[in-house]
Protein backbone atom coordinates (compact mmCIF):
# COMPACT_ATOMS: atom_id res chain seq x y z
CA MET A 1 -28.64 -29.84 -35.92
CA LYS A 2 -25.99 -27.81 -37.71
CA GLN A 3 -22.61 -29.53 -37.68
CA GLN A 4 -19.53 -27.44 -37.16
CA GLY A 5 -17.53 -26.93 -40.32
CA ALA A 6 -13.97 -28.14 -40.59
CA ASN A 7 -12.66 -24.58 -40.69
CA GLU A 8 -14.68 -23.32 -37.71
CA ALA A 9 -12.72 -22.83 -34.53
CA THR A 10 -13.80 -24.95 -31.58
CA PRO A 11 -14.13 -22.88 -28.41
CA ARG A 12 -11.70 -24.06 -25.80
CA ARG A 13 -11.15 -23.12 -22.23
CA VAL A 14 -7.60 -21.86 -21.88
CA ARG A 15 -5.68 -23.81 -19.29
CA LYS A 16 -3.54 -21.54 -17.15
CA GLU A 17 -0.63 -22.38 -14.92
CA PRO A 18 -1.50 -22.42 -11.19
CA ASP A 19 0.42 -19.22 -10.44
CA GLU A 20 -1.16 -17.45 -13.39
CA ARG A 21 -4.66 -18.56 -12.36
CA ARG A 22 -4.03 -17.47 -8.76
CA ASP A 23 -2.81 -14.04 -9.95
CA GLN A 24 -5.91 -13.70 -12.15
CA ILE A 25 -8.22 -14.39 -9.20
CA LEU A 26 -6.26 -11.99 -7.01
CA ALA A 27 -6.38 -9.22 -9.63
CA CYS A 28 -10.17 -9.54 -9.92
CA ALA A 29 -10.54 -9.57 -6.14
CA ARG A 30 -8.42 -6.43 -5.79
CA GLU A 31 -10.53 -4.67 -8.41
CA LEU A 32 -13.77 -5.51 -6.63
CA PHE A 33 -12.42 -4.76 -3.15
CA SER A 34 -11.07 -1.42 -4.38
CA ARG A 35 -14.50 -0.29 -5.54
CA ARG A 36 -16.86 -1.68 -2.91
CA PRO A 37 -16.88 -2.42 0.80
CA TYR A 38 -15.46 -5.77 1.85
CA THR A 39 -18.78 -7.02 3.24
CA THR A 40 -20.62 -6.52 -0.08
CA VAL A 41 -18.21 -8.59 -2.21
CA SER A 42 -18.73 -12.36 -2.29
CA ASN A 43 -16.40 -15.17 -3.33
CA THR A 44 -19.01 -16.24 -5.86
CA GLU A 45 -18.85 -12.80 -7.49
CA ILE A 46 -15.05 -12.82 -7.48
CA ALA A 47 -14.99 -16.29 -9.05
CA ALA A 48 -17.38 -15.18 -11.79
CA ALA A 49 -15.29 -12.08 -12.53
CA ALA A 50 -12.15 -14.23 -12.75
CA GLY A 51 -13.87 -16.82 -14.95
CA VAL A 52 -13.24 -19.69 -12.54
CA SER A 53 -15.39 -21.93 -10.39
CA ARG A 54 -16.10 -21.16 -6.74
CA GLY A 55 -14.36 -24.45 -5.91
CA LEU A 56 -11.17 -23.39 -7.68
CA LEU A 57 -11.17 -20.03 -5.90
CA ASN A 58 -11.55 -21.80 -2.57
CA HIS A 59 -8.73 -24.15 -3.54
CA TYR A 60 -6.32 -21.22 -3.91
CA PHE A 61 -7.53 -18.95 -1.12
CA GLY A 62 -9.86 -20.89 1.16
CA THR A 63 -12.00 -18.05 2.49
CA LYS A 64 -12.87 -14.49 1.51
CA ARG A 65 -10.83 -13.24 4.45
CA GLU A 66 -7.72 -15.07 3.21
CA LEU A 67 -8.28 -13.65 -0.26
CA TYR A 68 -8.67 -10.16 1.18
CA LEU A 69 -5.46 -10.53 3.20
CA ALA A 70 -3.64 -11.56 0.01
CA ALA A 71 -5.07 -8.53 -1.82
CA VAL A 72 -3.95 -6.13 0.92
CA SER A 73 -0.52 -7.76 1.11
CA GLN A 74 -0.06 -7.33 -2.64
CA MET A 75 -1.17 -3.70 -2.51
CA MET A 76 1.15 -2.96 0.41
CA ASN A 77 4.24 -4.20 -1.43
CA VAL A 78 4.65 -0.47 -2.08
CA PRO A 79 5.84 1.30 1.12
CA PRO A 80 2.99 3.15 2.87
CA VAL A 81 4.95 6.40 2.73
CA PRO A 82 7.16 6.03 -0.34
CA VAL A 83 9.86 8.65 -0.81
CA PRO A 84 11.90 8.35 -4.02
CA ALA A 85 15.50 7.28 -3.70
CA PHE A 86 18.11 10.03 -3.60
CA VAL A 87 18.84 11.59 -6.99
CA GLU A 88 21.71 14.03 -7.44
CA GLY A 89 20.35 17.58 -7.62
CA ALA A 90 16.88 16.70 -6.32
CA SER A 91 15.80 18.47 -3.16
CA VAL A 92 14.17 16.75 -0.21
CA ARG A 93 10.95 18.62 -1.02
CA ASP A 94 11.05 17.29 -4.60
CA ARG A 95 11.52 13.72 -3.43
CA VAL A 96 8.79 13.99 -0.79
CA ASP A 97 6.35 15.60 -3.26
CA HIS A 98 6.97 12.86 -5.82
CA GLY A 99 6.62 10.08 -3.27
CA LEU A 100 3.45 11.40 -1.70
CA HIS A 101 1.84 11.85 -5.11
CA ALA A 102 2.55 8.20 -5.98
CA TRP A 103 1.28 6.93 -2.63
CA LEU A 104 -1.93 8.96 -2.66
CA GLU A 105 -2.60 7.81 -6.22
CA LEU A 106 -2.23 4.20 -5.09
CA LEU A 107 -4.63 4.70 -2.21
CA GLN A 108 -7.20 6.52 -4.33
CA ARG A 109 -7.26 3.60 -6.78
CA ASN A 110 -7.70 1.16 -3.89
CA ARG A 111 -9.78 3.30 -1.53
CA GLN A 112 -12.14 0.58 -0.28
CA THR A 113 -9.34 -1.94 0.25
CA TRP A 114 -7.30 0.62 2.19
CA THR A 115 -10.07 2.02 4.37
CA THR A 116 -11.42 -1.45 5.17
CA ALA A 117 -7.93 -2.59 6.18
CA LEU A 118 -7.56 0.42 8.48
CA ASP A 119 -11.02 -0.12 9.97
CA MET A 120 -10.33 -3.80 10.64
CA THR A 121 -7.00 -3.10 12.35
CA ALA A 122 -8.38 -0.13 14.29
CA SER A 123 -10.95 -2.41 15.87
CA GLY A 124 -8.22 -4.82 16.91
CA GLY A 125 -10.13 -7.68 15.35
CA ASP A 126 -7.64 -8.98 12.81
CA ALA A 127 -4.12 -9.77 13.98
CA ASP A 128 -3.10 -11.16 10.56
CA LEU A 129 -4.06 -7.95 8.81
CA GLU A 130 -2.24 -5.92 11.46
CA ARG A 131 0.93 -7.93 10.78
CA ILE A 132 0.67 -7.17 7.06
CA LEU A 133 0.35 -3.44 7.70
CA ASP A 134 3.08 -3.52 10.32
CA ARG A 135 5.55 -5.06 7.88
CA ALA A 136 4.63 -2.35 5.38
CA ARG A 137 5.28 0.33 8.02
CA ASP A 138 8.71 -1.13 8.73
CA ARG A 139 9.54 -1.08 5.00
CA ALA A 140 8.46 2.56 4.87
CA VAL A 141 10.72 3.45 7.79
CA ASP A 142 13.66 1.65 6.20
CA HIS A 143 13.11 3.56 2.96
CA MET A 144 12.69 6.97 4.58
CA THR A 145 15.81 6.67 6.73
CA GLU A 146 17.81 5.69 3.65
CA VAL A 147 16.53 8.59 1.55
CA VAL A 148 17.32 11.28 4.12
CA GLY A 149 20.67 9.80 5.11
CA PHE A 150 19.63 8.67 8.59
CA THR A 151 20.18 4.94 8.07
CA ALA A 152 23.40 4.72 10.07
CA LEU A 153 22.08 7.07 12.77
CA SER A 154 18.84 5.11 13.06
CA ARG A 155 20.84 2.03 14.06
CA GLN A 156 22.31 3.99 16.96
CA HIS A 157 19.21 6.04 17.80
CA PRO A 158 15.93 4.07 17.94
CA GLU A 159 14.08 7.35 18.44
CA ILE A 160 14.54 8.04 14.71
CA ARG A 161 12.65 4.91 13.70
CA ALA A 162 10.07 5.62 16.38
CA ALA A 163 9.51 9.10 14.96
CA PHE A 164 9.00 7.75 11.43
CA ARG A 165 6.64 5.10 12.76
CA GLY A 166 4.65 7.87 14.40
CA TYR A 167 4.54 9.75 11.10
CA SER A 168 3.29 6.62 9.31
CA ALA A 169 0.44 6.35 11.82
CA MET A 170 -0.47 9.96 11.17
CA ALA A 171 -0.39 9.34 7.41
CA GLU A 172 -2.77 6.42 7.79
CA ALA A 173 -5.19 8.43 9.93
CA THR A 174 -5.07 11.42 7.58
CA THR A 175 -5.79 9.37 4.46
CA ARG A 176 -8.71 7.75 6.29
CA GLU A 177 -10.13 11.24 6.94
CA TRP A 178 -9.89 11.87 3.21
CA LEU A 179 -11.01 8.57 1.68
CA LYS A 180 -13.63 7.44 4.18
CA TYR A 181 -15.07 10.60 5.71
CA GLY A 182 -14.34 13.27 3.10
CA ARG A 183 -13.23 15.75 5.75
CA LEU A 184 -10.03 16.47 3.81
CA THR A 185 -9.34 16.71 0.09
CA ARG A 186 -6.42 14.97 -1.62
CA PRO A 187 -4.50 18.26 -2.09
CA GLN A 188 -5.00 19.06 1.59
CA VAL A 189 -3.72 15.63 2.61
CA HIS A 190 -0.71 16.05 0.34
CA LEU A 191 0.07 19.48 1.81
CA LEU A 192 -0.33 18.31 5.39
CA LEU A 193 1.80 15.18 5.03
CA ARG A 194 4.50 16.99 3.06
CA GLU A 195 4.95 19.83 5.50
CA VAL A 196 4.90 17.59 8.56
CA LEU A 197 7.44 15.20 7.02
CA LEU A 198 9.75 18.03 5.98
CA HIS A 199 9.57 19.55 9.45
CA LEU A 200 10.32 16.16 10.96
CA ILE A 201 13.32 15.61 8.68
CA GLU A 202 14.79 19.09 8.75
CA ASP A 203 14.10 20.26 12.31
CA VAL A 204 12.97 17.53 14.67
CA LEU A 205 15.24 14.58 13.88
CA PRO A 206 18.49 16.56 14.01
CA SER A 207 17.48 17.77 17.46
CA LEU A 208 16.63 14.25 18.58
CA VAL A 209 20.08 12.94 17.71
CA GLN A 210 21.91 16.23 18.32
CA THR A 211 23.41 16.29 14.83
CA THR A 212 24.11 19.31 12.61
CA TRP A 213 23.63 17.44 9.32
CA ALA A 214 21.29 19.32 6.96
CA PRO A 215 18.96 17.06 4.90
CA SER A 216 18.90 19.59 2.06
CA THR A 217 22.45 18.63 1.19
CA THR A 218 23.71 15.36 -0.20
CA PRO A 219 23.20 12.61 2.42
CA PRO A 220 26.41 11.19 3.85
CA PRO A 221 27.52 7.78 2.55
């Protein structure tokens, strides 16, 4: 048998910190869930992709469902309907266009994860997943009210938050039509969501709260 020379490197398994190993497993899971339906991805396959044992994967996440919930939660750290923060000189249309482009890009890269999450919550069969999406919707509402200058008004008028929550539900349904059924294209989804959001901001919300503030101007402090 050939003995290894003194100058030959000995292969070693790199020991990672627990958080780093967990993030590695989660990244591989997200990649697989984003490309294939949830039911066709196994923990054994995820473990192999991450270069860890099935036992170690189960140690960090327990079940495939728990791992999937963690993947969705990580993905949804970005607001479901992100609108860029106010920038001097930028119009509402500019900010909405930019935000929708970023959000649709995120969903397209994670199409299977997103559509599976929507399917599972639509059936009412996963309360934990619904809570994850609901927190993301609340973050989206917080962000949108801040961008258009309705934060203070939304504290006095719950109908503002309700209207944005309704818009978020429409955005979810519309992207499902695009990513799962192919009945809309990405440009069509972008156009539809942009025009509805602009109409909501510029025409509907001022009427709801009986204000004359125009969103096309600098939002009040």
